[in-house]
Amino acid sequence: MPKDPFKTRLEIAKKRISKKGTNDKNPNPSPIGTAFKLSTELVSAVAVGTIIGFILDKTFGTKPWLILIFFFVGVIAGITNVIRNAKNMQNK
């Protein structure tokens, strides 16, 4: 009994997709991409900390103290993330 042509085409397509998935993973990303990733992580941590501080300041009426505190918390968190990612990249 011959195989269903749809099932045959489906199996071929699945094999092609699985082969593409293994070839697309680049073990060595470009230095520009890595630098962009690290800088984005740093800036986003500072921005999130500042926004949280701004919202809390507006809620509690403590302007500018919580903005300053959470700004520095964001800076510390961003630097910690960058250092951790740099160590992980060095180990690879």
PDB file of N, CA and C in Angstrom:
ATOM      1  N   MET A   1       0.841  -1.176   0.000  1.00  0.00           N
ATOM      2  CA  MET A   1       0.000   0.000   0.000  1.00  0.00           C
ATOM      3  C   MET A   1       0.894   1.249   0.000  1.00  0.00           C
ATOM      4  N   PRO A   2       0.749   2.138  -0.979  1.00  0.00           N
ATOM      5  CA  PRO A   2       1.616   3.320  -1.067  1.00  0.00           C
ATOM      6  C   PRO A   2       1.303   4.308   0.049  1.00  0.00           C
ATOM      7  N   LYS A   3       2.348   5.029   0.403  1.00  0.00           N
ATOM      8  CA  LYS A   3       2.227   6.057   1.445  1.00  0.00           C
ATOM      9  C   LYS A   3       1.453   7.246   0.919  1.00  0.00           C
ATOM     10  N   ASP A   4       0.768   7.899   1.817  1.00  0.00           N
ATOM     11  CA  ASP A   4       0.020   9.103   1.463  1.00  0.00           C
ATOM     12  C   ASP A   4       1.014  10.191   1.041  1.00  0.00           C
ATOM     13  N   PRO A   5       0.808  10.834  -0.124  1.00  0.00           N
ATOM     14  CA  PRO A   5       1.765  11.852  -0.580  1.00  0.00           C
ATOM     15  C   PRO A   5       1.866  13.032   0.385  1.00  0.00           C
ATOM     16  N   PHE A   6       0.779  13.365   1.071  1.00  0.00           N
ATOM     17  CA  PHE A   6       0.823  14.471   2.028  1.00  0.00           C
ATOM     18  C   PHE A   6       1.764  14.145   3.188  1.00  0.00           C
ATOM     19  N   LYS A   7       1.673  12.922   3.696  1.00  0.00           N
ATOM     20  CA  LYS A   7       2.539  12.519   4.813  1.00  0.00           C
ATOM     21  C   LYS A   7       3.998  12.518   4.387  1.00  0.00           C
ATOM     22  N   THR A   8       4.254  12.096   3.162  1.00  0.00           N
ATOM     23  CA  THR A   8       5.622  12.087   2.660  1.00  0.00           C
ATOM     24  C   THR A   8       6.169  13.508   2.575  1.00  0.00           C
ATOM     25  N   ARG A   9       5.378  14.427   2.025  1.00  0.00           N
ATOM     26  CA  ARG A   9       5.812  15.820   1.935  1.00  0.00           C
ATOM     27  C   ARG A   9       5.986  16.436   3.317  1.00  0.00           C
ATOM     28  N   LEU A  10       5.103  16.067   4.252  1.00  0.00           N
ATOM     29  CA  LEU A  10       5.201  16.576   5.611  1.00  0.00           C
ATOM     30  C   LEU A  10       6.491  16.118   6.281  1.00  0.00           C
ATOM     31  N   GLU A  11       6.850  14.877   6.106  1.00  0.00           N
ATOM     32  CA  GLU A  11       8.100  14.359   6.677  1.00  0.00           C
ATOM     33  C   GLU A  11       9.315  15.065   6.083  1.00  0.00           C
ATOM     34  N   ILE A  12       9.283  15.299   4.773  1.00  0.00           N
ATOM     35  CA  ILE A  12      10.392  15.996   4.114  1.00  0.00           C
ATOM     36  C   ILE A  12      10.508  17.420   4.651  1.00  0.00           C
ATOM     37  N   ALA A  13       9.376  18.092   4.813  1.00  0.00           N
ATOM     38  CA  ALA A  13       9.398  19.461   5.326  1.00  0.00           C
ATOM     39  C   ALA A  13       9.913  19.499   6.762  1.00  0.00           C
ATOM     40  N   LYS A  14       9.524  18.554   7.592  1.00  0.00           N
ATOM     41  CA  LYS A  14      10.007  18.503   8.973  1.00  0.00           C
ATOM     42  C   LYS A  14      11.516  18.307   9.020  1.00  0.00           C
ATOM     43  N   LYS A  15      12.037  17.456   8.146  1.00  0.00           N
ATOM     44  CA  LYS A  15      13.487  17.232   8.098  1.00  0.00           C
ATOM     45  C   LYS A  15      14.221  18.503   7.689  1.00  0.00           C
ATOM     46  N   ARG A  16      13.667  19.228   6.722  1.00  0.00           N
ATOM     47  CA  ARG A  16      14.303  20.474   6.283  1.00  0.00           C
ATOM     48  C   ARG A  16      14.307  21.507   7.400  1.00  0.00           C
ATOM     49  N   ILE A  17      13.198  21.616   8.111  1.00  0.00           N
ATOM     50  CA  ILE A  17      13.109  22.587   9.200  1.00  0.00           C
ATOM     51  C   ILE A  17      14.086  22.233  10.308  1.00  0.00           C
ATOM     52  N   SER A  18      14.188  20.971  10.651  1.00  0.00           N
ATOM     53  CA  SER A  18      15.114  20.582  11.721  1.00  0.00           C
ATOM     54  C   SER A  18      16.563  20.828  11.305  1.00  0.00           C
ATOM     55  N   LYS A  19      16.886  20.641  10.034  1.00  0.00           N
ATOM     56  CA  LYS A  19      18.245  20.931   9.564  1.00  0.00           C
ATOM     57  C   LYS A  19      18.526  22.424   9.601  1.00  0.00           C
ATOM     58  N   LYS A  20      17.550  23.250   9.232  1.00  0.00           N
ATOM     59  CA  LYS A  20      17.737  24.694   9.263  1.00  0.00           C
ATOM     60  C   LYS A  20      17.932  25.186  10.681  1.00  0.00           C
ATOM     61  N   GLY A  21      17.200  24.627  11.622  1.00  0.00           N
ATOM     62  CA  GLY A  21      17.300  25.045  13.013  1.00  0.00           C
ATOM     63  C   GLY A  21      18.679  24.812  13.586  1.00  0.00           C
ATOM     64  N   THR A  22      19.349  23.736  13.195  1.00  0.00           N
ATOM     65  CA  THR A  22      20.688  23.464  13.725  1.00  0.00           C
ATOM     66  C   THR A  22      21.738  24.327  13.049  1.00  0.00           C
ATOM     67  N   ASN A  23      21.524  24.724  11.813  1.00  0.00           N
ATOM     68  CA  ASN A  23      22.524  25.533  11.108  1.00  0.00           C
ATOM     69  C   ASN A  23      22.429  27.010  11.440  1.00  0.00           C
ATOM     70  N   ASP A  24      21.261  27.478  11.904  1.00  0.00           N
ATOM     71  CA  ASP A  24      21.072  28.900  12.156  1.00  0.00           C
ATOM     72  C   ASP A  24      21.734  29.373  13.446  1.00  0.00           C
ATOM     73  N   LYS A  25      21.993  28.479  14.359  1.00  0.00           N
ATOM     74  CA  LYS A  25      22.582  28.880  15.637  1.00  0.00           C
ATOM     75  C   LYS A  25      24.058  29.191  15.438  1.00  0.00           C
ATOM     76  N   ASN A  26      24.410  30.441  15.650  1.00  0.00           N
ATOM     77  CA  ASN A  26      25.782  30.884  15.455  1.00  0.00           C
ATOM     78  C   ASN A  26      26.493  30.872  16.810  1.00  0.00           C
ATOM     79  N   PRO A  27      27.511  30.020  16.984  1.00  0.00           N
ATOM     80  CA  PRO A  27      28.173  29.953  18.276  1.00  0.00           C
ATOM     81  C   PRO A  27      28.990  31.206  18.602  1.00  0.00           C
ATOM     82  N   ASN A  28      29.405  31.955  17.601  1.00  0.00           N
ATOM     83  CA  ASN A  28      30.204  33.160  17.818  1.00  0.00           C
ATOM     84  C   ASN A  28      29.466  34.374  17.267  1.00  0.00           C
ATOM     85  N   PRO A  29      28.693  35.070  18.112  1.00  0.00           N
ATOM     86  CA  PRO A  29      27.996  36.254  17.608  1.00  0.00           C
ATOM     87  C   PRO A  29      28.989  37.371  17.290  1.00  0.00           C
ATOM     88  N   SER A  30      28.542  38.309  16.484  1.00  0.00           N
ATOM     89  CA  SER A  30      29.432  39.395  16.088  1.00  0.00           C
ATOM     90  C   SER A  30      29.727  40.290  17.288  1.00  0.00           C
ATOM     91  N   PRO A  31      30.901  40.903  17.305  1.00  0.00           N
ATOM     92  CA  PRO A  31      31.247  41.795  18.426  1.00  0.00           C
ATOM     93  C   PRO A  31      30.307  42.995  18.546  1.00  0.00           C
ATOM     94  N   ILE A  32      29.818  43.485  17.421  1.00  0.00           N
ATOM     95  CA  ILE A  32      28.898  44.620  17.466  1.00  0.00           C
ATOM     96  C   ILE A  32      27.587  44.199  18.112  1.00  0.00           C
ATOM     97  N   GLY A  33      27.089  43.011  17.769  1.00  0.00           N
ATOM     98  CA  GLY A  33      25.863  42.512  18.377  1.00  0.00           C
ATOM     99  C   GLY A  33      26.010  42.302  19.873  1.00  0.00           C
ATOM    100  N   THR A  34      27.157  41.780  20.282  1.00  0.00           N
ATOM    101  CA  THR A  34      27.413  41.572  21.701  1.00  0.00           C
ATOM    102  C   THR A  34      27.482  42.902  22.445  1.00  0.00           C
ATOM    103  N   ALA A  35      28.165  43.878  21.873  1.00  0.00           N
ATOM    104  CA  ALA A  35      28.265  45.190  22.502  1.00  0.00           C
ATOM    105  C   ALA A  35      26.890  45.852  22.591  1.00  0.00           C
ATOM    106  N   PHE A  36      26.084  45.704  21.551  1.00  0.00           N
ATOM    107  CA  PHE A  36      24.740  46.270  21.561  1.00  0.00           C
ATOM    108  C   PHE A  36      23.888  45.618  22.639  1.00  0.00           C
ATOM    109  N   LYS A  37      24.013  44.308  22.789  1.00  0.00           N
ATOM    110  CA  LYS A  37      23.252  43.585  23.806  1.00  0.00           C
ATOM    111  C   LYS A  37      23.641  44.060  25.211  1.00  0.00           C
ATOM    112  N   LEU A  38      24.924  44.168  25.469  1.00  0.00           N
ATOM    113  CA  LEU A  38      25.382  44.584  26.794  1.00  0.00           C
ATOM    114  C   LEU A  38      24.975  46.025  27.098  1.00  0.00           C
ATOM    115  N   SER A  39      25.110  46.902  26.114  1.00  0.00           N
ATOM    116  CA  SER A  39      24.738  48.301  26.355  1.00  0.00           C
ATOM    117  C   SER A  39      23.233  48.451  26.542  1.00  0.00           C
ATOM    118  N   THR A  40      22.452  47.670  25.816  1.00  0.00           N
ATOM    119  CA  THR A  40      21.002  47.715  25.973  1.00  0.00           C
ATOM    120  C   THR A  40      20.590  47.228  27.355  1.00  0.00           C
ATOM    121  N   GLU A  41      21.238  46.180  27.849  1.00  0.00           N
ATOM    122  CA  GLU A  41      20.926  45.680  29.183  1.00  0.00           C
ATOM    123  C   GLU A  41      21.247  46.726  30.250  1.00  0.00           C
ATOM    124  N   LEU A  42      22.352  47.408  30.093  1.00  0.00           N
ATOM    125  CA  LEU A  42      22.728  48.433  31.068  1.00  0.00           C
ATOM    126  C   LEU A  42      21.741  49.598  31.054  1.00  0.00           C
ATOM    127  N   VAL A  43      21.434  50.097  29.878  1.00  0.00           N
ATOM    128  CA  VAL A  43      20.532  51.247  29.763  1.00  0.00           C
ATOM    129  C   VAL A  43      19.128  50.877  30.232  1.00  0.00           C
ATOM    130  N   SER A  44      18.657  49.683  29.892  1.00  0.00           N
ATOM    131  CA  SER A  44      17.300  49.307  30.289  1.00  0.00           C
ATOM    132  C   SER A  44      17.187  49.142  31.801  1.00  0.00           C
ATOM    133  N   ALA A  45      18.221  48.614  32.459  1.00  0.00           N
ATOM    134  CA  ALA A  45      18.183  48.479  33.919  1.00  0.00           C
ATOM    135  C   ALA A  45      18.111  49.850  34.582  1.00  0.00           C
ATOM    136  N   VAL A  46      18.876  50.804  34.083  1.00  0.00           N
ATOM    137  CA  VAL A  46      18.846  52.163  34.636  1.00  0.00           C
ATOM    138  C   VAL A  46      17.485  52.802  34.382  1.00  0.00           C
ATOM    139  N   ALA A  47      16.944  52.626  33.194  1.00  0.00           N
ATOM    140  CA  ALA A  47      15.643  53.213  32.861  1.00  0.00           C
ATOM    141  C   ALA A  47      14.530  52.625  33.723  1.00  0.00           C
ATOM    142  N   VAL A  48      14.535  51.311  33.893  1.00  0.00           N
ATOM    143  CA  VAL A  48      13.496  50.677  34.711  1.00  0.00           C
ATOM    144  C   VAL A  48      13.593  51.147  36.160  1.00  0.00           C
ATOM    145  N   GLY A  49      14.802  51.211  36.693  1.00  0.00           N
ATOM    146  CA  GLY A  49      14.974  51.695  38.058  1.00  0.00           C
ATOM    147  C   GLY A  49      14.482  53.120  38.220  1.00  0.00           C
ATOM    148  N   THR A  50      14.808  53.968  37.272  1.00  0.00           N
ATOM    149  CA  THR A  50      14.382  55.368  37.346  1.00  0.00           C
ATOM    150  C   THR A  50      12.865  55.496  37.241  1.00  0.00           C
ATOM    151  N   ILE A  51      12.256  54.726  36.364  1.00  0.00           N
ATOM    152  CA  ILE A  51      10.797  54.779  36.216  1.00  0.00           C
ATOM    153  C   ILE A  51      10.102  54.300  37.486  1.00  0.00           C
ATOM    154  N   ILE A  52      10.612  53.220  38.074  1.00  0.00           N
ATOM    155  CA  ILE A  52      10.034  52.751  39.340  1.00  0.00           C
ATOM    156  C   ILE A  52      10.161  53.834  40.407  1.00  0.00           C
ATOM    157  N   GLY A  53      11.314  54.458  40.502  1.00  0.00           N
ATOM    158  CA  GLY A  53      11.503  55.540  41.463  1.00  0.00           C
ATOM    159  C   GLY A  53      10.567  56.705  41.216  1.00  0.00           C
ATOM    160  N   PHE A  54      10.372  57.048  39.956  1.00  0.00           N
ATOM    161  CA  PHE A  54       9.472  58.151  39.614  1.00  0.00           C
ATOM    162  C   PHE A  54       8.041  57.839  40.039  1.00  0.00           C
ATOM    163  N   ILE A  55       7.594  56.621  39.751  1.00  0.00           N
ATOM    164  CA  ILE A  55       6.228  56.225  40.114  1.00  0.00           C
ATOM    165  C   ILE A  55       6.050  56.222  41.632  1.00  0.00           C
ATOM    166  N   LEU A  56       7.024  55.686  42.340  1.00  0.00           N
ATOM    167  CA  LEU A  56       6.919  55.655  43.800  1.00  0.00           C
ATOM    168  C   LEU A  56       6.991  57.063  44.394  1.00  0.00           C
ATOM    169  N   ASP A  57       7.812  57.921  43.817  1.00  0.00           N
ATOM    170  CA  ASP A  57       7.882  59.311  44.281  1.00  0.00           C
ATOM    171  C   ASP A  57       6.552  60.020  44.089  1.00  0.00           C
ATOM    172  N   LYS A  58       5.940  59.796  42.948  1.00  0.00           N
ATOM    173  CA  LYS A  58       4.653  60.426  42.674  1.00  0.00           C
ATOM    174  C   LYS A  58       3.585  59.905  43.635  1.00  0.00           C
ATOM    175  N   THR A  59       3.657  58.613  43.953  1.00  0.00           N
ATOM    176  CA  THR A  59       2.667  58.007  44.846  1.00  0.00           C
ATOM    177  C   THR A  59       2.821  58.507  46.277  1.00  0.00           C
ATOM    178  N   PHE A  60       4.056  58.532  46.765  1.00  0.00           N
ATOM    179  CA  PHE A  60       4.288  58.872  48.171  1.00  0.00           C
ATOM    180  C   PHE A  60       4.658  60.338  48.397  1.00  0.00           C
ATOM    181  N   GLY A  61       4.886  61.084  47.344  1.00  0.00           N
ATOM    182  CA  GLY A  61       5.223  62.498  47.461  1.00  0.00           C
ATOM    183  C   GLY A  61       6.584  62.751  48.085  1.00  0.00           C
ATOM    184  N   THR A  62       7.566  61.942  47.744  1.00  0.00           N
ATOM    185  CA  THR A  62       8.905  62.066  48.328  1.00  0.00           C
ATOM    186  C   THR A  62       9.928  62.583  47.329  1.00  0.00           C
ATOM    187  N   LYS A  63       9.471  63.308  46.314  1.00  0.00           N
ATOM    188  CA  LYS A  63      10.365  63.751  45.246  1.00  0.00           C
ATOM    189  C   LYS A  63      11.606  64.396  45.800  1.00  0.00           C
ATOM    190  N   PRO A  64      12.753  64.209  45.344  1.00  0.00           N
ATOM    191  CA  PRO A  64      13.346  63.344  44.343  1.00  0.00           C
ATOM    192  C   PRO A  64      14.051  62.124  44.940  1.00  0.00           C
ATOM    193  N   TRP A  65      13.802  61.804  46.189  1.00  0.00           N
ATOM    194  CA  TRP A  65      14.616  60.799  46.872  1.00  0.00           C
ATOM    195  C   TRP A  65      14.490  59.407  46.281  1.00  0.00           C
ATOM    196  N   LEU A  66      13.284  58.933  46.012  1.00  0.00           N
ATOM    197  CA  LEU A  66      13.145  57.578  45.484  1.00  0.00           C
ATOM    198  C   LEU A  66      13.639  57.468  44.042  1.00  0.00           C
ATOM    199  N   ILE A  67      13.527  58.561  43.293  1.00  0.00           N
ATOM    200  CA  ILE A  67      14.095  58.544  41.942  1.00  0.00           C
ATOM    201  C   ILE A  67      15.606  58.334  42.029  1.00  0.00           C
ATOM    202  N   LEU A  68      16.256  59.052  42.906  1.00  0.00           N
ATOM    203  CA  LEU A  68      17.710  58.917  43.047  1.00  0.00           C
ATOM    204  C   LEU A  68      18.102  57.528  43.546  1.00  0.00           C
ATOM    205  N   ILE A  69      17.382  57.037  44.536  1.00  0.00           N
ATOM    206  CA  ILE A  69      17.707  55.718  45.092  1.00  0.00           C
ATOM    207  C   ILE A  69      17.551  54.644  44.026  1.00  0.00           C
ATOM    208  N   PHE A  70      16.410  54.635  43.332  1.00  0.00           N
ATOM    209  CA  PHE A  70      16.179  53.599  42.333  1.00  0.00           C
ATOM    210  C   PHE A  70      17.026  53.788  41.081  1.00  0.00           C
ATOM    211  N   PHE A  71      17.456  55.021  40.802  1.00  0.00           N
ATOM    212  CA  PHE A  71      18.402  55.238  39.708  1.00  0.00           C
ATOM    213  C   PHE A  71      19.697  54.485  39.996  1.00  0.00           C
ATOM    214  N   PHE A  72      20.206  54.645  41.222  1.00  0.00           N
ATOM    215  CA  PHE A  72      21.451  53.968  41.565  1.00  0.00           C
ATOM    216  C   PHE A  72      21.272  52.461  41.696  1.00  0.00           C
ATOM    217  N   VAL A  73      20.087  52.019  42.127  1.00  0.00           N
ATOM    218  CA  VAL A  73      19.805  50.577  42.151  1.00  0.00           C
ATOM    219  C   VAL A  73      19.824  50.037  40.721  1.00  0.00           C
ATOM    220  N   GLY A  74      19.263  50.782  39.777  1.00  0.00           N
ATOM    221  CA  GLY A  74      19.282  50.376  38.369  1.00  0.00           C
ATOM    222  C   GLY A  74      20.690  50.341  37.808  1.00  0.00           C
ATOM    223  N   VAL A  75      21.511  51.312  38.187  1.00  0.00           N
ATOM    224  CA  VAL A  75      22.914  51.329  37.731  1.00  0.00           C
ATOM    225  C   VAL A  75      23.645  50.092  38.247  1.00  0.00           C
ATOM    226  N   ILE A  76      23.454  49.790  39.522  1.00  0.00           N
ATOM    227  CA  ILE A  76      24.128  48.619  40.109  1.00  0.00           C
ATOM    228  C   ILE A  76      23.635  47.336  39.453  1.00  0.00           C
ATOM    229  N   ALA A  77      22.330  47.230  39.244  1.00  0.00           N
ATOM    230  CA  ALA A  77      21.784  46.036  38.598  1.00  0.00           C
ATOM    231  C   ALA A  77      22.298  45.896  37.166  1.00  0.00           C
ATOM    232  N   GLY A  78      22.364  47.001  36.434  1.00  0.00           N
ATOM    233  CA  GLY A  78      22.857  46.951  35.051  1.00  0.00           C
ATOM    234  C   GLY A  78      24.314  46.551  34.979  1.00  0.00           C
ATOM    235  N   ILE A  79      25.139  47.120  35.848  1.00  0.00           N
ATOM    236  CA  ILE A  79      26.562  46.773  35.844  1.00  0.00           C
ATOM    237  C   ILE A  79      26.753  45.310  36.231  1.00  0.00           C
ATOM    238  N   THR A  80      25.965  44.841  37.205  1.00  0.00           N
ATOM    239  CA  THR A  80      26.048  43.433  37.610  1.00  0.00           C
ATOM    240  C   THR A  80      25.684  42.509  36.458  1.00  0.00           C
ATOM    241  N   ASN A  81      24.622  42.852  35.715  1.00  0.00           N
ATOM    242  CA  ASN A  81      24.234  42.034  34.557  1.00  0.00           C
ATOM    243  C   ASN A  81      25.319  42.019  33.486  1.00  0.00           C
ATOM    244  N   VAL A  82      25.910  43.165  33.229  1.00  0.00           N
ATOM    245  CA  VAL A  82      26.959  43.242  32.204  1.00  0.00           C
ATOM    246  C   VAL A  82      28.171  42.410  32.623  1.00  0.00           C
ATOM    247  N   ILE A  83      28.560  42.498  33.884  1.00  0.00           N
ATOM    248  CA  ILE A  83      29.712  41.716  34.367  1.00  0.00           C
ATOM    249  C   ILE A  83      29.405  40.225  34.277  1.00  0.00           C
ATOM    250  N   ARG A  84      28.199  39.824  34.689  1.00  0.00           N
ATOM    251  CA  ARG A  84      27.825  38.404  34.635  1.00  0.00           C
ATOM    252  C   ARG A  84      27.839  37.886  33.192  1.00  0.00           C
ATOM    253  N   ASN A  85      27.271  38.657  32.263  1.00  0.00           N
ATOM    254  CA  ASN A  85      27.274  38.233  30.862  1.00  0.00           C
ATOM    255  C   ASN A  85      28.672  38.196  30.273  1.00  0.00           C
ATOM    256  N   ALA A  86      29.518  39.142  30.656  1.00  0.00           N
ATOM    257  CA  ALA A  86      30.892  39.142  30.157  1.00  0.00           C
ATOM    258  C   ALA A  86      31.649  37.912  30.657  1.00  0.00           C
ATOM    259  N   LYS A  87      31.436  37.536  31.913  1.00  0.00           N
ATOM    260  CA  LYS A  87      32.069  36.322  32.433  1.00  0.00           C
ATOM    261  C   LYS A  87      31.570  35.083  31.708  1.00  0.00           C
ATOM    262  N   ASN A  88      30.259  35.028  31.429  1.00  0.00           N
ATOM    263  CA  ASN A  88      29.715  33.884  30.690  1.00  0.00           C
ATOM    264  C   ASN A  88      30.293  33.804  29.289  1.00  0.00           C
ATOM    265  N   MET A  89      30.473  34.946  28.635  1.00  0.00           N
ATOM    266  CA  MET A  89      31.053  34.939  27.295  1.00  0.00           C
ATOM    267  C   MET A  89      32.514  34.508  27.326  1.00  0.00           C
ATOM    268  N   GLN A  90      33.225  34.883  28.391  1.00  0.00           N
ATOM    269  CA  GLN A  90      34.626  34.488  28.513  1.00  0.00           C
ATOM    270  C   GLN A  90      34.748  32.983  28.698  1.00  0.00           C
ATOM    271  N   ASN A  91      33.828  32.386  29.466  1.00  0.00           N
ATOM    272  CA  ASN A  91      33.872  30.951  29.724  1.00  0.00           C
ATOM    273  C   ASN A  91      33.558  30.130  28.493  1.00  0.00           C
ATOM    274  N   LYS A  92      32.790  30.692  27.557  1.00  0.00           N
ATOM    275  CA  LYS A  92      32.437  29.960  26.332  1.00  0.00           C
ATOM    276  C   LYS A  92      33.562  30.038  25.397  1.00  0.00           C
TER     277      LYS A  92
END
